[in-house]
Amino acid sequence: MGMASYEIIGDAGEWRISHDGKAENVYQTKESAFEAAVAAASLALRQGHDVRITAPGRDTATGAANPG
């Protein structure tokens, strides 16, 4: 099997998971995008793929938009 790579991309309030050249769903926080990537990676791992997840460590802890 191949490599399943998931990259968390975006900025405050608009995070996405890039996988296979697509980044379709939008998440409000970096943490929620990460959790969705882990769920997808878990399935890929069960299917025999190597898995890689990357996420930026900048901005706020959650990556949420600042209110106001």
N, C-alpha and C. Protein backbone atom coordinates (compact mmCIF):
# COMPACT_ATOMS: atom_id res chain seq x y z
N MET A 1 0.84 -1.19 0.00
CA MET A 1 0.00 0.00 0.00
C MET A 1 0.87 1.24 0.00
N GLY A 2 0.26 2.38 -0.28
CA GLY A 2 1.00 3.64 -0.37
C GLY A 2 0.91 4.47 0.89
N MET A 3 1.31 5.71 0.74
CA MET A 3 1.29 6.68 1.83
C MET A 3 -0.01 7.47 1.79
N ALA A 4 -0.69 7.56 2.92
CA ALA A 4 -1.86 8.43 3.06
C ALA A 4 -1.40 9.64 3.86
N SER A 5 -1.38 10.80 3.22
CA SER A 5 -0.87 12.01 3.84
C SER A 5 -2.01 13.02 4.02
N TYR A 6 -2.12 13.57 5.22
CA TYR A 6 -3.16 14.54 5.56
C TYR A 6 -2.47 15.78 6.11
N GLU A 7 -2.73 16.94 5.49
CA GLU A 7 -2.11 18.19 5.91
C GLU A 7 -3.18 19.17 6.33
N ILE A 8 -3.10 19.65 7.57
CA ILE A 8 -4.03 20.66 8.06
C ILE A 8 -3.55 22.01 7.53
N ILE A 9 -4.44 22.69 6.79
CA ILE A 9 -4.09 23.99 6.21
C ILE A 9 -5.18 25.00 6.54
N GLY A 10 -4.84 26.27 6.50
CA GLY A 10 -5.83 27.31 6.69
C GLY A 10 -5.38 28.36 7.67
N ASP A 11 -6.37 29.05 8.20
CA ASP A 11 -6.12 30.13 9.16
C ASP A 11 -7.40 30.36 9.94
N ALA A 12 -7.32 31.18 10.93
CA ALA A 12 -8.38 31.47 11.89
C ALA A 12 -9.80 31.28 11.37
N GLY A 13 -10.46 30.23 11.84
CA GLY A 13 -11.86 29.99 11.52
C GLY A 13 -12.13 29.29 10.21
N GLU A 14 -11.10 29.01 9.41
CA GLU A 14 -11.31 28.33 8.13
C GLU A 14 -10.17 27.35 7.87
N TRP A 15 -10.28 26.19 8.47
CA TRP A 15 -9.26 25.14 8.36
C TRP A 15 -9.75 24.04 7.45
N ARG A 16 -8.82 23.41 6.76
CA ARG A 16 -9.13 22.31 5.84
C ARG A 16 -8.11 21.20 6.00
N ILE A 17 -8.45 20.04 5.47
CA ILE A 17 -7.53 18.91 5.43
C ILE A 17 -7.20 18.64 3.96
N SER A 18 -5.96 18.79 3.61
CA SER A 18 -5.52 18.51 2.25
C SER A 18 -5.14 17.04 2.15
N HIS A 19 -5.78 16.32 1.24
CA HIS A 19 -5.51 14.90 1.02
C HIS A 19 -5.78 14.58 -0.45
N ASP A 20 -4.83 13.97 -1.11
CA ASP A 20 -4.96 13.63 -2.53
C ASP A 20 -5.28 14.85 -3.40
N GLY A 21 -4.69 15.99 -3.05
CA GLY A 21 -4.90 17.20 -3.84
C GLY A 21 -6.24 17.88 -3.63
N LYS A 22 -7.01 17.41 -2.66
CA LYS A 22 -8.32 18.00 -2.39
C LYS A 22 -8.36 18.51 -0.96
N ALA A 23 -9.10 19.59 -0.74
CA ALA A 23 -9.31 20.16 0.59
C ALA A 23 -10.72 20.72 0.63
N GLU A 24 -11.70 19.83 0.70
CA GLU A 24 -13.09 20.22 0.49
C GLU A 24 -13.82 20.74 1.73
N ASN A 25 -13.74 20.05 2.85
CA ASN A 25 -14.50 20.44 4.04
C ASN A 25 -13.82 21.58 4.78
N VAL A 26 -14.64 22.43 5.42
CA VAL A 26 -14.12 23.55 6.20
C VAL A 26 -14.44 23.29 7.68
N TYR A 27 -13.44 23.52 8.53
CA TYR A 27 -13.58 23.34 9.98
C TYR A 27 -13.34 24.67 10.67
N GLN A 28 -14.05 24.94 11.74
CA GLN A 28 -13.92 26.20 12.46
C GLN A 28 -12.62 26.31 13.24
N THR A 29 -12.10 25.16 13.70
CA THR A 29 -10.87 25.18 14.48
C THR A 29 -9.84 24.22 13.89
N LYS A 30 -8.60 24.52 14.16
CA LYS A 30 -7.51 23.65 13.75
C LYS A 30 -7.65 22.29 14.44
N GLU A 31 -8.08 22.31 15.69
CA GLU A 31 -8.25 21.08 16.46
C GLU A 31 -9.32 20.17 15.83
N SER A 32 -10.44 20.75 15.39
CA SER A 32 -11.49 19.92 14.78
C SER A 32 -11.03 19.34 13.45
N ALA A 33 -10.24 20.09 12.69
CA ALA A 33 -9.69 19.56 11.44
C ALA A 33 -8.72 18.43 11.75
N PHE A 34 -7.92 18.59 12.79
CA PHE A 34 -6.98 17.54 13.19
C PHE A 34 -7.72 16.27 13.59
N GLU A 35 -8.78 16.40 14.37
CA GLU A 35 -9.55 15.23 14.79
C GLU A 35 -10.17 14.50 13.59
N ALA A 36 -10.64 15.25 12.61
CA ALA A 36 -11.19 14.63 11.40
C ALA A 36 -10.09 13.94 10.60
N ALA A 37 -8.91 14.53 10.56
CA ALA A 37 -7.79 13.91 9.85
C ALA A 37 -7.37 12.61 10.54
N VAL A 38 -7.39 12.59 11.86
CA VAL A 38 -7.04 11.38 12.60
C VAL A 38 -8.05 10.26 12.30
N ALA A 39 -9.32 10.60 12.23
CA ALA A 39 -10.34 9.59 11.90
C ALA A 39 -10.10 9.01 10.50
N ALA A 40 -9.81 9.87 9.54
CA ALA A 40 -9.53 9.41 8.18
C ALA A 40 -8.25 8.58 8.14
N ALA A 41 -7.23 9.02 8.87
CA ALA A 41 -5.96 8.31 8.90
C ALA A 41 -6.11 6.94 9.56
N SER A 42 -6.98 6.84 10.54
CA SER A 42 -7.23 5.55 11.19
C SER A 42 -7.77 4.52 10.20
N LEU A 43 -8.69 4.95 9.36
CA LEU A 43 -9.23 4.07 8.33
C LEU A 43 -8.13 3.66 7.34
N ALA A 44 -7.33 4.63 6.91
CA ALA A 44 -6.24 4.34 5.97
C ALA A 44 -5.24 3.36 6.59
N LEU A 45 -4.96 3.52 7.87
CA LEU A 45 -4.03 2.63 8.56
C LEU A 45 -4.57 1.20 8.59
N ARG A 46 -5.86 1.06 8.85
CA ARG A 46 -6.49 -0.27 8.85
C ARG A 46 -6.44 -0.90 7.47
N GLN A 47 -6.41 -0.07 6.43
CA GLN A 47 -6.35 -0.58 5.06
C GLN A 47 -4.91 -0.90 4.63
N GLY A 48 -3.95 -0.66 5.51
CA GLY A 48 -2.57 -1.03 5.23
C GLY A 48 -1.67 0.08 4.73
N HIS A 49 -2.15 1.32 4.70
CA HIS A 49 -1.35 2.45 4.23
C HIS A 49 -0.40 2.94 5.33
N ASP A 50 0.73 3.50 4.92
CA ASP A 50 1.53 4.31 5.83
C ASP A 50 0.74 5.61 5.99
N VAL A 51 0.85 6.26 7.15
CA VAL A 51 0.06 7.46 7.41
C VAL A 51 0.95 8.59 7.91
N ARG A 52 0.66 9.80 7.42
CA ARG A 52 1.34 11.01 7.89
C ARG A 52 0.30 12.10 8.06
N ILE A 53 0.32 12.76 9.23
CA ILE A 53 -0.55 13.92 9.50
C ILE A 53 0.35 15.07 9.90
N THR A 54 0.16 16.23 9.24
CA THR A 54 0.92 17.42 9.63
C THR A 54 -0.05 18.55 9.92
N ALA A 55 0.33 19.36 10.92
CA ALA A 55 -0.50 20.51 11.31
C ALA A 55 0.42 21.64 11.73
N PRO A 56 0.07 22.88 11.38
CA PRO A 56 0.90 24.01 11.77
C PRO A 56 0.77 24.27 13.27
N GLY A 57 1.84 24.78 13.86
CA GLY A 57 1.81 25.06 15.29
C GLY A 57 1.72 26.54 15.61
N ARG A 58 1.24 27.34 14.68
CA ARG A 58 1.19 28.79 14.88
C ARG A 58 -0.19 29.25 15.32
N ASP A 59 -0.32 30.53 15.57
CA ASP A 59 -1.59 31.18 15.95
C ASP A 59 -2.11 30.70 17.29
N THR A 60 -3.40 30.75 17.47
CA THR A 60 -4.01 30.34 18.74
C THR A 60 -3.95 28.83 18.88
N ALA A 61 -4.13 28.35 20.08
CA ALA A 61 -4.06 26.92 20.35
C ALA A 61 -5.09 26.14 19.52
N THR A 62 -6.29 26.70 19.35
CA THR A 62 -7.33 25.99 18.61
C THR A 62 -7.37 26.41 17.15
N GLY A 63 -6.81 27.58 16.84
CA GLY A 63 -6.87 28.08 15.47
C GLY A 63 -8.20 28.71 15.15
N ALA A 64 -9.00 29.00 16.19
CA ALA A 64 -10.31 29.62 15.97
C ALA A 64 -10.16 31.11 15.64
N ALA A 65 -11.16 31.64 14.97
CA ALA A 65 -11.16 33.07 14.67
C ALA A 65 -11.37 33.84 15.97
N ASN A 66 -10.73 34.99 16.08
CA ASN A 66 -10.92 35.84 17.25
C ASN A 66 -12.22 36.60 17.12
N PRO A 67 -13.11 36.52 18.15
CA PRO A 67 -14.38 37.24 18.07
C PRO A 67 -14.16 38.76 18.14
N GLY A 68 -15.03 39.48 17.42
CA GLY A 68 -15.08 40.92 17.52
C GLY A 68 -14.10 41.61 16.74
